[in-house]
């Protein structure tokens, strides 16, 4: 058996959605992801920098309070400003304890992280460093 197991395989990410139009508006228009497929009755498929994201239609859905998708970025401040200008509101958490307009937090290890929520309540993030 190989030690690599899945380390050399391409990752596919999944995010639950309940409304096609809201998902297209958010993921394609606001986040700028490339729509790959929208004809399936099961999911919308987006390309996120070479990673496939399957926005999967689910029935009833209760979002979780933790991050389900995140993007590494080179300049979190610039990317956060761009997303805010596109209408993406950032989550401001009291424990972050700073006055950054997008709530960017610097983790003890030095990574800088900002969180935002899709129209379905899924928590998404940006990360620089770490």
Protein backbone atom coordinates (compact mmCIF):
# COMPACT_ATOMS: atom_id res chain seq x y z
CA UNK A 1 0.00 0.00 0.00
CA UNK A 2 1.25 3.45 -0.88
CA UNK A 3 1.95 6.07 1.79
CA UNK A 4 0.45 8.66 -0.56
CA UNK A 5 -3.07 7.21 -0.34
CA UNK A 6 -5.11 10.28 -1.43
CA UNK A 7 -2.37 12.92 -1.20
CA UNK A 8 -1.87 12.92 -4.97
CA UNK A 9 -5.58 12.84 -5.83
CA UNK A 10 -7.57 15.95 -6.69
CA UNK A 11 -9.82 17.29 -3.94
CA UNK A 12 -13.51 17.99 -4.55
CA UNK A 13 -15.22 20.26 -2.02
CA UNK A 14 -18.93 20.22 -1.15
CA UNK A 15 -21.15 22.95 0.23
CA UNK A 16 -24.89 22.60 0.92
CA UNK A 17 -27.34 24.96 -0.76
CA UNK A 18 -31.12 25.21 -0.95
CA UNK A 19 -31.71 27.75 -3.73
CA UNK A 20 -30.12 27.74 -7.20
CA UNK A 21 -30.56 31.46 -7.92
CA UNK A 22 -29.14 32.55 -4.56
CA UNK A 23 -26.21 30.17 -4.99
CA UNK A 24 -25.45 31.46 -8.49
CA UNK A 25 -25.69 35.06 -7.34
CA UNK A 26 -23.32 34.48 -4.45
CA UNK A 27 -20.77 31.96 -5.69
CA UNK A 28 -20.58 33.07 -9.32
CA UNK A 29 -21.31 36.78 -9.15
CA UNK A 30 -20.07 37.87 -5.72
CA UNK A 31 -17.19 35.44 -5.24
CA UNK A 32 -16.29 35.27 -8.93
CA UNK A 33 -16.08 31.47 -9.17
CA UNK A 34 -16.35 29.95 -12.62
CA UNK A 35 -19.60 28.07 -13.16
CA UNK A 36 -18.79 24.70 -14.72
CA UNK A 37 -22.21 23.06 -14.69
CA UNK A 38 -25.74 24.10 -13.77
CA UNK A 39 -27.94 21.48 -15.42
CA UNK A 40 -27.77 18.76 -12.79
CA UNK A 41 -30.75 18.36 -10.45
CA UNK A 42 -28.25 17.52 -7.69
CA UNK A 43 -25.66 20.32 -7.64
CA UNK A 44 -24.13 23.38 -9.22
CA UNK A 45 -20.47 22.87 -10.04
CA UNK A 46 -17.93 25.68 -9.71
CA UNK A 47 -14.19 25.88 -10.32
CA UNK A 48 -12.29 27.56 -7.49
CA UNK A 49 -8.70 27.88 -8.65
CA UNK A 50 -8.61 24.30 -9.90
CA UNK A 51 -10.65 22.80 -7.07
CA UNK A 52 -14.14 21.63 -7.91
CA UNK A 53 -16.83 22.89 -5.57
CA UNK A 54 -20.11 21.02 -5.77
CA UNK A 55 -22.83 23.27 -4.35
CA UNK A 56 -25.19 20.44 -3.52
CA UNK A 57 -28.94 20.91 -3.30
CA UNK A 58 -30.22 19.71 0.05
CA UNK A 59 -33.70 19.65 1.52
CA UNK A 60 -33.97 21.19 4.93
CA UNK A 61 -30.68 22.55 6.13
CA UNK A 62 -29.37 23.89 9.44
CA UNK A 63 -25.96 25.52 8.97
CA UNK A 64 -23.07 24.69 11.28
CA UNK A 65 -21.23 27.39 13.27
CA UNK A 66 -17.82 26.48 11.85
CA UNK A 67 -15.97 27.12 8.60
CA UNK A 68 -16.86 24.76 5.77
CA UNK A 69 -14.83 26.30 2.90
CA UNK A 70 -11.82 28.60 2.90
CA UNK A 71 -9.45 30.25 0.46
CA UNK A 72 -5.75 31.04 0.91
CA UNK A 73 -5.04 34.51 -0.42
CA UNK A 74 -1.86 36.55 -0.83
CA UNK A 75 -3.33 39.84 0.46
CA UNK A 76 -6.26 39.33 2.83
CA UNK A 77 -6.87 43.05 3.29
CA UNK A 78 -7.22 43.69 -0.44
CA UNK A 79 -9.34 40.57 -1.02
CA UNK A 80 -11.64 41.44 1.90
CA UNK A 81 -12.14 44.96 0.53
CA UNK A 82 -12.93 43.53 -2.94
CA UNK A 83 -15.46 41.07 -1.54
CA UNK A 84 -17.07 43.71 0.68
CA UNK A 85 -17.41 45.96 -2.37
CA UNK A 86 -19.14 43.06 -4.16
CA UNK A 87 -21.69 42.93 -1.35
CA UNK A 88 -20.21 40.18 0.80
CA UNK A 89 -20.69 41.05 4.49
CA UNK A 90 -17.99 39.82 6.85
CA UNK A 91 -18.66 38.15 10.18
CA UNK A 92 -17.42 40.15 13.14
CA UNK A 93 -16.78 37.86 16.11
CA UNK A 94 -16.44 39.43 19.57
CA UNK A 95 -13.50 37.19 20.48
CA UNK A 96 -11.48 38.62 17.57
CA UNK A 97 -11.03 41.82 19.57
CA UNK A 98 -9.92 44.26 16.89
CA UNK A 99 -11.36 47.11 14.87
CA UNK A 100 -10.60 45.78 11.39
CA UNK A 101 -13.63 46.55 9.16
CA UNK A 102 -13.79 42.95 7.92
CA UNK A 103 -12.92 41.42 11.29
CA UNK A 104 -9.57 40.04 10.14
CA UNK A 105 -8.03 38.15 13.04
CA UNK A 106 -4.35 37.35 13.52
CA UNK A 107 -4.01 33.86 14.96
CA UNK A 108 -1.27 33.05 17.49
CA UNK A 109 0.71 31.29 14.72
CA UNK A 110 0.60 34.42 12.55
CA UNK A 111 -2.09 33.44 10.02
CA UNK A 112 -4.61 36.19 9.29
CA UNK A 113 -8.22 35.01 8.87
CA UNK A 114 -11.55 36.63 7.98
CA UNK A 115 -14.96 34.94 7.89
CA UNK A 116 -18.10 35.55 5.88
CA UNK A 117 -21.36 33.66 5.38
CA UNK A 118 -23.09 32.52 2.21
CA UNK A 119 -26.87 33.05 1.77
CA UNK A 120 -27.52 29.64 3.37
CA UNK A 121 -25.56 30.26 6.56
CA UNK A 122 -22.41 28.35 5.57
CA UNK A 123 -19.35 29.98 7.14
CA UNK A 124 -16.56 30.60 4.63
CA UNK A 125 -13.14 32.15 5.18
CA UNK A 126 -10.10 33.85 3.75
CA UNK A 127 -6.65 33.05 5.12
CA UNK A 128 -3.29 34.67 4.57
CA UNK A 129 -0.18 32.95 5.87
CA UNK A 130 -0.01 30.15 8.36
